[in-house]
Amino acid sequence: GFFALETTTTATGDGYVMTPLSGILFVL
């Protein structure tokens, strides 16, 4: 689930965005 997160770049630096797959894996 962690590896399924999407990386995003903002003004404050890099971050992660939840994807449907990562959300399902975290719930499981």
PDB file of all heavy atoms in Angstrom:
ATOM      1  N   GLY A   1       0.819  -1.212   0.000  1.00  0.00           N
ATOM      2  CA  GLY A   1       0.000   0.000   0.000  1.00  0.00           C
ATOM      3  C   GLY A   1       0.846   1.253   0.000  1.00  0.00           C
ATOM      4  O   GLY A   1       0.515   2.247  -0.662  1.00  0.00           O
ATOM      5  N   PHE A   2       1.964   1.209   0.714  1.00  0.00           N
ATOM      6  CA  PHE A   2       2.867   2.358   0.732  1.00  0.00           C
ATOM      7  C   PHE A   2       3.472   2.586  -0.654  1.00  0.00           C
ATOM      8  O   PHE A   2       3.563   3.722  -1.138  1.00  0.00           O
ATOM      9  CB  PHE A   2       3.972   2.139   1.766  1.00  0.00           C
ATOM     10  CG  PHE A   2       5.014   3.219   1.782  1.00  0.00           C
ATOM     11  CD1 PHE A   2       4.761   4.435   2.400  1.00  0.00           C
ATOM     12  CD2 PHE A   2       6.242   3.024   1.170  1.00  0.00           C
ATOM     13  CE1 PHE A   2       5.721   5.443   2.409  1.00  0.00           C
ATOM     14  CE2 PHE A   2       7.201   4.022   1.170  1.00  0.00           C
ATOM     15  CZ  PHE A   2       6.942   5.235   1.800  1.00  0.00           C
ATOM     16  N   PHE A   3       3.881   1.516  -1.298  1.00  0.00           N
ATOM     17  CA  PHE A   3       4.471   1.650  -2.632  1.00  0.00           C
ATOM     18  C   PHE A   3       3.436   2.053  -3.681  1.00  0.00           C
ATOM     19  O   PHE A   3       3.798   2.541  -4.758  1.00  0.00           O
ATOM     20  CB  PHE A   3       5.154   0.350  -3.041  1.00  0.00           C
ATOM     21  CG  PHE A   3       6.443   0.088  -2.320  1.00  0.00           C
ATOM     22  CD1 PHE A   3       6.555  -0.963  -1.423  1.00  0.00           C
ATOM     23  CD2 PHE A   3       7.543   0.914  -2.509  1.00  0.00           C
ATOM     24  CE1 PHE A   3       7.746  -1.199  -0.746  1.00  0.00           C
ATOM     25  CE2 PHE A   3       8.737   0.683  -1.842  1.00  0.00           C
ATOM     26  CZ  PHE A   3       8.839  -0.376  -0.955  1.00  0.00           C
ATOM     27  N   ALA A   4       2.144   1.833  -3.358  1.00  0.00           N
ATOM     28  CA  ALA A   4       1.087   2.208  -4.299  1.00  0.00           C
ATOM     29  C   ALA A   4       0.708   3.683  -4.196  1.00  0.00           C
ATOM     30  O   ALA A   4      -0.078   4.185  -5.008  1.00  0.00           O
ATOM     31  CB  ALA A   4      -0.158   1.343  -4.061  1.00  0.00           C
ATOM     32  N   LEU A   5       1.254   4.395  -3.204  1.00  0.00           N
ATOM     33  CA  LEU A   5       0.984   5.822  -3.076  1.00  0.00           C
ATOM     34  C   LEU A   5       1.599   6.577  -4.250  1.00  0.00           C
ATOM     35  O   LEU A   5       2.640   6.193  -4.792  1.00  0.00           O
ATOM     36  CB  LEU A   5       1.568   6.362  -1.769  1.00  0.00           C
ATOM     37  CG  LEU A   5       0.944   5.863  -0.462  1.00  0.00           C
ATOM     38  CD1 LEU A   5       1.773   6.330   0.724  1.00  0.00           C
ATOM     39  CD2 LEU A   5      -0.493   6.339  -0.334  1.00  0.00           C
ATOM     40  N   GLU A   6       0.950   7.665  -4.640  1.00  0.00           N
ATOM     41  CA  GLU A   6       1.479   8.502  -5.711  1.00  0.00           C
ATOM     42  C   GLU A   6       2.299   9.642  -5.108  1.00  0.00           C
ATOM     43  O   GLU A   6       1.906  10.248  -4.110  1.00  0.00           O
ATOM     44  CB  GLU A   6       0.346   9.072  -6.558  1.00  0.00           C
ATOM     45  CG  GLU A   6      -0.321   8.054  -7.464  1.00  0.00           C
ATOM     46  CD  GLU A   6      -1.350   8.701  -8.377  1.00  0.00           C
ATOM     47  OE1 GLU A   6      -1.605   9.915  -8.217  1.00  0.00           O
ATOM     48  OE2 GLU A   6      -1.897   7.994  -9.237  1.00  0.00           O
ATOM     49  N   THR A   7       3.428   9.914  -5.707  1.00  0.00           N
ATOM     50  CA  THR A   7       4.277  11.010  -5.253  1.00  0.00           C
ATOM     51  C   THR A   7       3.826  12.303  -5.917  1.00  0.00           C
ATOM     52  O   THR A   7       3.560  12.340  -7.120  1.00  0.00           O
ATOM     53  CB  THR A   7       5.753  10.740  -5.604  1.00  0.00           C
ATOM     54  OG1 THR A   7       6.133   9.484  -5.046  1.00  0.00           O
ATOM     55  CG2 THR A   7       6.643  11.828  -5.030  1.00  0.00           C
ATOM     56  N   THR A   8       3.733  13.354  -5.117  1.00  0.00           N
ATOM     57  CA  THR A   8       3.337  14.656  -5.651  1.00  0.00           C
ATOM     58  C   THR A   8       4.318  15.709  -5.161  1.00  0.00           C
ATOM     59  O   THR A   8       4.886  15.587  -4.071  1.00  0.00           O
ATOM     60  CB  THR A   8       1.905  15.022  -5.210  1.00  0.00           C
ATOM     61  OG1 THR A   8       1.554  16.290  -5.765  1.00  0.00           O
ATOM     62  CG2 THR A   8       1.791  15.109  -3.694  1.00  0.00           C
ATOM     63  N   THR A   9       4.519  16.729  -5.961  1.00  0.00           N
ATOM     64  CA  THR A   9       5.433  17.817  -5.615  1.00  0.00           C
ATOM     65  C   THR A   9       4.635  19.100  -5.416  1.00  0.00           C
ATOM     66  O   THR A   9       3.846  19.499  -6.281  1.00  0.00           O
ATOM     67  CB  THR A   9       6.484  18.026  -6.720  1.00  0.00           C
ATOM     68  OG1 THR A   9       7.203  16.811  -6.919  1.00  0.00           O
ATOM     69  CG2 THR A   9       7.460  19.125  -6.312  1.00  0.00           C
ATOM     70  N   THR A  10       4.827  19.719  -4.259  1.00  0.00           N
ATOM     71  CA  THR A  10       4.153  20.978  -3.944  1.00  0.00           C
ATOM     72  C   THR A  10       5.208  22.029  -3.609  1.00  0.00           C
ATOM     73  O   THR A  10       6.410  21.768  -3.644  1.00  0.00           O
ATOM     74  CB  THR A  10       3.193  20.797  -2.749  1.00  0.00           C
ATOM     75  OG1 THR A  10       3.963  20.443  -1.587  1.00  0.00           O
ATOM     76  CG2 THR A  10       2.179  19.706  -3.026  1.00  0.00           C
ATOM     77  N   ALA A  11       4.730  23.221  -3.236  1.00  0.00           N
ATOM     78  CA  ALA A  11       5.644  24.304  -2.892  1.00  0.00           C
ATOM     79  C   ALA A  11       6.452  23.985  -1.643  1.00  0.00           C
ATOM     80  O   ALA A  11       7.554  24.507  -1.448  1.00  0.00           O
ATOM     81  CB  ALA A  11       4.862  25.609  -2.698  1.00  0.00           C
ATOM     82  N   THR A  12       5.900  23.140  -0.795  1.00  0.00           N
ATOM     83  CA  THR A  12       6.585  22.792   0.457  1.00  0.00           C
ATOM     84  C   THR A  12       7.462  21.555   0.321  1.00  0.00           C
ATOM     85  O   THR A  12       8.123  21.158   1.269  1.00  0.00           O
ATOM     86  CB  THR A  12       5.557  22.553   1.581  1.00  0.00           C
ATOM     87  OG1 THR A  12       4.647  21.522   1.175  1.00  0.00           O
ATOM     88  CG2 THR A  12       4.777  23.828   1.861  1.00  0.00           C
ATOM     89  N   GLY A  13       7.447  20.933  -0.847  1.00  0.00           N
ATOM     90  CA  GLY A  13       8.288  19.754  -1.050  1.00  0.00           C
ATOM     91  C   GLY A  13       7.489  18.578  -1.575  1.00  0.00           C
ATOM     92  O   GLY A  13       6.317  18.701  -1.964  1.00  0.00           O
ATOM     93  N   ASP A  14       8.114  17.430  -1.602  1.00  0.00           N
ATOM     94  CA  ASP A  14       7.464  16.219  -2.085  1.00  0.00           C
ATOM     95  C   ASP A  14       6.509  15.657  -1.040  1.00  0.00           C
ATOM     96  O   ASP A  14       6.736  15.776   0.169  1.00  0.00           O
ATOM     97  CB  ASP A  14       8.502  15.154  -2.437  1.00  0.00           C
ATOM     98  CG  ASP A  14       9.352  15.562  -3.642  1.00  0.00           C
ATOM     99  OD1 ASP A  14       8.867  16.379  -4.442  1.00  0.00           O
ATOM    100  OD2 ASP A  14      10.493  15.063  -3.757  1.00  0.00           O
ATOM    101  N   GLY A  15       5.449  15.038  -1.528  1.00  0.00           N
ATOM    102  CA  GLY A  15       4.486  14.413  -0.633  1.00  0.00           C
ATOM    103  C   GLY A  15       3.887  13.186  -1.289  1.00  0.00           C
ATOM    104  O   GLY A  15       4.294  12.773  -2.380  1.00  0.00           O
ATOM    105  N   TYR A  16       2.917  12.580  -0.606  1.00  0.00           N
ATOM    106  CA  TYR A  16       2.284  11.366  -1.125  1.00  0.00           C
ATOM    107  C   TYR A  16       0.778  11.570  -1.171  1.00  0.00           C
ATOM    108  O   TYR A  16       0.190  12.233  -0.304  1.00  0.00           O
ATOM    109  CB  TYR A  16       2.610  10.165  -0.239  1.00  0.00           C
ATOM    110  CG  TYR A  16       4.086   9.805  -0.230  1.00  0.00           C
ATOM    111  CD1 TYR A  16       4.924  10.257   0.776  1.00  0.00           C
ATOM    112  CD2 TYR A  16       4.619   9.029  -1.254  1.00  0.00           C
ATOM    113  CE1 TYR A  16       6.273   9.936   0.775  1.00  0.00           C
ATOM    114  CE2 TYR A  16       5.963   8.696  -1.269  1.00  0.00           C
ATOM    115  CZ  TYR A  16       6.781   9.157  -0.248  1.00  0.00           C
ATOM    116  OH  TYR A  16       8.120   8.845  -0.255  1.00  0.00           O
ATOM    117  N   VAL A  17       0.167  10.992  -2.183  1.00  0.00           N
ATOM    118  CA  VAL A  17      -1.277  11.067  -2.356  1.00  0.00           C
ATOM    119  C   VAL A  17      -1.845   9.650  -2.346  1.00  0.00           C
ATOM    120  O   VAL A  17      -1.310   8.748  -3.003  1.00  0.00           O
ATOM    121  CB  VAL A  17      -1.638  11.765  -3.691  1.00  0.00           C
ATOM    122  CG1 VAL A  17      -3.151  11.748  -3.900  1.00  0.00           C
ATOM    123  CG2 VAL A  17      -1.113  13.184  -3.697  1.00  0.00           C
ATOM    124  N   MET A  18      -2.920   9.478  -1.595  1.00  0.00           N
ATOM    125  CA  MET A  18      -3.570   8.171  -1.521  1.00  0.00           C
ATOM    126  C   MET A  18      -4.224   7.832  -2.855  1.00  0.00           C
ATOM    127  O   MET A  18      -4.886   8.652  -3.470  1.00  0.00           O
ATOM    128  CB  MET A  18      -4.632   8.180  -0.412  1.00  0.00           C
ATOM    129  CG  MET A  18      -5.273   6.838  -0.151  1.00  0.00           C
ATOM    130  SD  MET A  18      -4.243   5.779   0.890  1.00  0.00           S
ATOM    131  CE  MET A  18      -4.389   6.616   2.468  1.00  0.00           C
ATOM    132  N   THR A  19      -4.013   6.613  -3.297  1.00  0.00           N
ATOM    133  CA  THR A  19      -4.662   6.108  -4.506  1.00  0.00           C
ATOM    134  C   THR A  19      -5.722   5.084  -4.102  1.00  0.00           C
ATOM    135  O   THR A  19      -5.702   4.591  -2.964  1.00  0.00           O
ATOM    136  CB  THR A  19      -3.639   5.437  -5.439  1.00  0.00           C
ATOM    137  OG1 THR A  19      -3.094   4.285  -4.769  1.00  0.00           O
ATOM    138  CG2 THR A  19      -2.512   6.400  -5.782  1.00  0.00           C
ATOM    139  N   PRO A  20      -6.659   4.766  -4.985  1.00  0.00           N
ATOM    140  CA  PRO A  20      -7.658   3.744  -4.629  1.00  0.00           C
ATOM    141  C   PRO A  20      -7.022   2.422  -4.208  1.00  0.00           C
ATOM    142  O   PRO A  20      -7.461   1.794  -3.247  1.00  0.00           O
ATOM    143  CB  PRO A  20      -8.467   3.587  -5.920  1.00  0.00           C
ATOM    144  CG  PRO A  20      -8.354   4.919  -6.593  1.00  0.00           C
ATOM    145  CD  PRO A  20      -6.965   5.394  -6.285  1.00  0.00           C
ATOM    146  N   LEU A  21      -5.960   2.019  -4.912  1.00  0.00           N
ATOM    147  CA  LEU A  21      -5.299   0.754  -4.575  1.00  0.00           C
ATOM    148  C   LEU A  21      -4.642   0.815  -3.206  1.00  0.00           C
ATOM    149  O   LEU A  21      -4.788  -0.114  -2.399  1.00  0.00           O
ATOM    150  CB  LEU A  21      -4.247   0.414  -5.635  1.00  0.00           C
ATOM    151  CG  LEU A  21      -3.417  -0.858  -5.377  1.00  0.00           C
ATOM    152  CD1 LEU A  21      -4.329  -2.070  -5.267  1.00  0.00           C
ATOM    153  CD2 LEU A  21      -2.368  -1.044  -6.468  1.00  0.00           C
ATOM    154  N   SER A  22      -3.941   1.910  -2.932  1.00  0.00           N
ATOM    155  CA  SER A  22      -3.291   2.018  -1.630  1.00  0.00           C
ATOM    156  C   SER A  22      -4.325   2.091  -0.509  1.00  0.00           C
ATOM    157  O   SER A  22      -4.131   1.525   0.569  1.00  0.00           O
ATOM    158  CB  SER A  22      -2.376   3.250  -1.587  1.00  0.00           C
ATOM    159  OG  SER A  22      -3.118   4.437  -1.768  1.00  0.00           O
ATOM    160  N   GLY A  23      -5.443   2.774  -0.764  1.00  0.00           N
ATOM    161  CA  GLY A  23      -6.496   2.848   0.245  1.00  0.00           C
ATOM    162  C   GLY A  23      -7.065   1.482   0.577  1.00  0.00           C
ATOM    163  O   GLY A  23      -7.260   1.137   1.740  1.00  0.00           O
ATOM    164  N   ILE A  24      -7.310   0.693  -0.469  1.00  0.00           N
ATOM    165  CA  ILE A  24      -7.833  -0.667  -0.266  1.00  0.00           C
ATOM    166  C   ILE A  24      -6.834  -1.517   0.516  1.00  0.00           C
ATOM    167  O   ILE A  24      -7.201  -2.246   1.445  1.00  0.00           O
ATOM    168  CB  ILE A  24      -8.156  -1.323  -1.620  1.00  0.00           C
ATOM    169  CG1 ILE A  24      -9.358  -0.624  -2.275  1.00  0.00           C
ATOM    170  CG2 ILE A  24      -8.452  -2.812  -1.444  1.00  0.00           C
ATOM    171  CD1 ILE A  24      -9.619  -1.068  -3.697  1.00  0.00           C
ATOM    172  N   LEU A  25      -5.558  -1.413   0.155  1.00  0.00           N
ATOM    173  CA  LEU A  25      -4.527  -2.208   0.832  1.00  0.00           C
ATOM    174  C   LEU A  25      -4.389  -1.804   2.293  1.00  0.00           C
ATOM    175  O   LEU A  25      -4.215  -2.659   3.175  1.00  0.00           O
ATOM    176  CB  LEU A  25      -3.196  -2.055   0.103  1.00  0.00           C
ATOM    177  CG  LEU A  25      -3.104  -2.742  -1.262  1.00  0.00           C
ATOM    178  CD1 LEU A  25      -1.822  -2.351  -1.989  1.00  0.00           C
ATOM    179  CD2 LEU A  25      -3.185  -4.265  -1.109  1.00  0.00           C
ATOM    180  N   PHE A  26      -4.468  -0.504   2.585  1.00  0.00           N
ATOM    181  CA  PHE A  26      -4.365  -0.050   3.972  1.00  0.00           C
ATOM    182  C   PHE A  26      -5.564  -0.527   4.799  1.00  0.00           C
ATOM    183  O   PHE A  26      -5.427  -0.897   5.967  1.00  0.00           O
ATOM    184  CB  PHE A  26      -4.243   1.474   4.034  1.00  0.00           C
ATOM    185  CG  PHE A  26      -2.896   1.995   3.629  1.00  0.00           C
ATOM    186  CD1 PHE A  26      -2.780   3.160   2.888  1.00  0.00           C
ATOM    187  CD2 PHE A  26      -1.741   1.312   3.979  1.00  0.00           C
ATOM    188  CE1 PHE A  26      -1.541   3.642   2.509  1.00  0.00           C
ATOM    189  CE2 PHE A  26      -0.486   1.779   3.608  1.00  0.00           C
ATOM    190  CZ  PHE A  26      -0.385   2.952   2.863  1.00  0.00           C
ATOM    191  N   VAL A  27      -6.748  -0.503   4.183  1.00  0.00           N
ATOM    192  CA  VAL A  27      -7.937  -1.005   4.889  1.00  0.00           C
ATOM    193  C   VAL A  27      -7.791  -2.502   5.162  1.00  0.00           C
ATOM    194  O   VAL A  27      -8.093  -2.970   6.272  1.00  0.00           O
ATOM    195  CB  VAL A  27      -9.209  -0.722   4.057  1.00  0.00           C
ATOM    196  CG1 VAL A  27     -10.403  -1.496   4.624  1.00  0.00           C
ATOM    197  CG2 VAL A  27      -9.516   0.768   4.058  1.00  0.00           C
ATOM    198  N   LEU A  28      -7.329  -3.246   4.161  1.00  0.00           N
ATOM    199  CA  LEU A  28      -7.119  -4.684   4.352  1.00  0.00           C
ATOM    200  C   LEU A  28      -6.083  -4.945   5.447  1.00  0.00           C
ATOM    201  O   LEU A  28      -6.241  -5.880   6.243  1.00  0.00           O
ATOM    202  CB  LEU A  28      -6.664  -5.327   3.041  1.00  0.00           C
ATOM    203  CG  LEU A  28      -7.718  -5.451   1.940  1.00  0.00           C
ATOM    204  CD1 LEU A  28      -7.093  -5.984   0.659  1.00  0.00           C
ATOM    205  CD2 LEU A  28      -8.861  -6.359   2.393  1.00  0.00           C
TER     206      LEU A  28
END
